């Protein structure tokens, strides 16, 4: 069955999706930058503690 026939589900998705996108970390520049910074620091620490 095609998703195009599931009108109620598609309508619900259309209503909820903008809020989900706004709540995503990628839509919050400060939270995204902090998460990226933490990830880079963790990678650097792993690299420094390895035999590389």
C-alpha atoms as a PDB file:
ATOM      1  CA  UNK A   1       0.000   0.000   0.000  1.00  0.00           C
ATOM      2  CA  UNK A   2       1.253   3.494  -0.798  1.00  0.00           C
ATOM      3  CA  UNK A   3       1.889   6.075   1.941  1.00  0.00           C
ATOM      4  CA  UNK A   4      -0.129   8.508  -0.170  1.00  0.00           C
ATOM      5  CA  UNK A   5      -3.285   6.671   0.879  1.00  0.00           C
ATOM      6  CA  UNK A   6      -2.545   7.165   4.596  1.00  0.00           C
ATOM      7  CA  UNK A   7      -3.927  10.704   4.692  1.00  0.00           C
ATOM      8  CA  UNK A   8      -4.367  10.859   8.482  1.00  0.00           C
ATOM      9  CA  UNK A   9      -0.780   9.758   9.149  1.00  0.00           C
ATOM     10  CA  UNK A  10       0.572  12.204   6.581  1.00  0.00           C
ATOM     11  CA  UNK A  11      -1.504  15.042   8.029  1.00  0.00           C
ATOM     12  CA  UNK A  12      -0.203  14.288  11.534  1.00  0.00           C
ATOM     13  CA  UNK A  13       3.371  14.206  10.228  1.00  0.00           C
ATOM     14  CA  UNK A  14       2.846  17.525   8.438  1.00  0.00           C
ATOM     15  CA  UNK A  15       1.669  19.121  11.703  1.00  0.00           C
ATOM     16  CA  UNK A  16       4.363  17.622  13.953  1.00  0.00           C
ATOM     17  CA  UNK A  17       7.440  17.785  11.718  1.00  0.00           C
ATOM     18  CA  UNK A  18       8.173  21.532  11.982  1.00  0.00           C
ATOM     19  CA  UNK A  19       8.278  21.312  15.784  1.00  0.00           C
ATOM     20  CA  UNK A  20      10.541  18.272  15.646  1.00  0.00           C
ATOM     21  CA  UNK A  21      12.901  20.077  13.282  1.00  0.00           C
ATOM     22  CA  UNK A  22      12.971  23.184  15.512  1.00  0.00           C
ATOM     23  CA  UNK A  23      13.743  20.987  18.542  1.00  0.00           C
ATOM     24  CA  UNK A  24      16.627  19.224  16.779  1.00  0.00           C
ATOM     25  CA  UNK A  25      20.133  20.163  17.924  1.00  0.00           C
ATOM     26  CA  UNK A  26      21.078  21.214  14.383  1.00  0.00           C
ATOM     27  CA  UNK A  27      18.500  24.023  14.623  1.00  0.00           C
ATOM     28  CA  UNK A  28      20.061  25.390  17.800  1.00  0.00           C
ATOM     29  CA  UNK A  29      23.449  26.878  16.845  1.00  0.00           C
ATOM     30  CA  UNK A  30      24.686  27.149  20.432  1.00  0.00           C
ATOM     31  CA  UNK A  31      23.779  23.570  21.352  1.00  0.00           C
ATOM     32  CA  UNK A  32      25.202  22.314  18.047  1.00  0.00           C
ATOM     33  CA  UNK A  33      28.500  24.168  18.564  1.00  0.00           C
ATOM     34  CA  UNK A  34      28.797  22.866  22.127  1.00  0.00           C
ATOM     35  CA  UNK A  35      28.118  19.293  21.013  1.00  0.00           C
ATOM     36  CA  UNK A  36      30.634  19.578  18.170  1.00  0.00           C
ATOM     37  CA  UNK A  37      33.232  21.048  20.548  1.00  0.00           C
ATOM     38  CA  UNK A  38      32.716  18.209  23.018  1.00  0.00           C
ATOM     39  CA  UNK A  39      33.008  15.639  20.238  1.00  0.00           C
ATOM     40  CA  UNK A  40      36.253  17.155  18.899  1.00  0.00           C
ATOM     41  CA  UNK A  41      37.723  17.326  22.395  1.00  0.00           C
ATOM     42  CA  UNK A  42      36.840  13.679  23.050  1.00  0.00           C
ATOM     43  CA  UNK A  43      38.411  12.627  19.725  1.00  0.00           C
ATOM     44  CA  UNK A  44      41.558  14.652  20.480  1.00  0.00           C
ATOM     45  CA  UNK A  45      41.873  13.116  23.951  1.00  0.00           C
ATOM     46  CA  UNK A  46      41.495   9.608  22.497  1.00  0.00           C
ATOM     47  CA  UNK A  47      44.105  10.400  19.875  1.00  0.00           C
ATOM     48  CA  UNK A  48      46.535  11.817  22.446  1.00  0.00           C
ATOM     49  CA  UNK A  49      46.159   8.788  24.718  1.00  0.00           C
ATOM     50  CA  UNK A  50      46.697   6.307  21.878  1.00  0.00           C
ATOM     51  CA  UNK A  51      50.009   5.114  20.443  1.00  0.00           C
ATOM     52  CA  UNK A  52      49.421   7.082  17.225  1.00  0.00           C
END
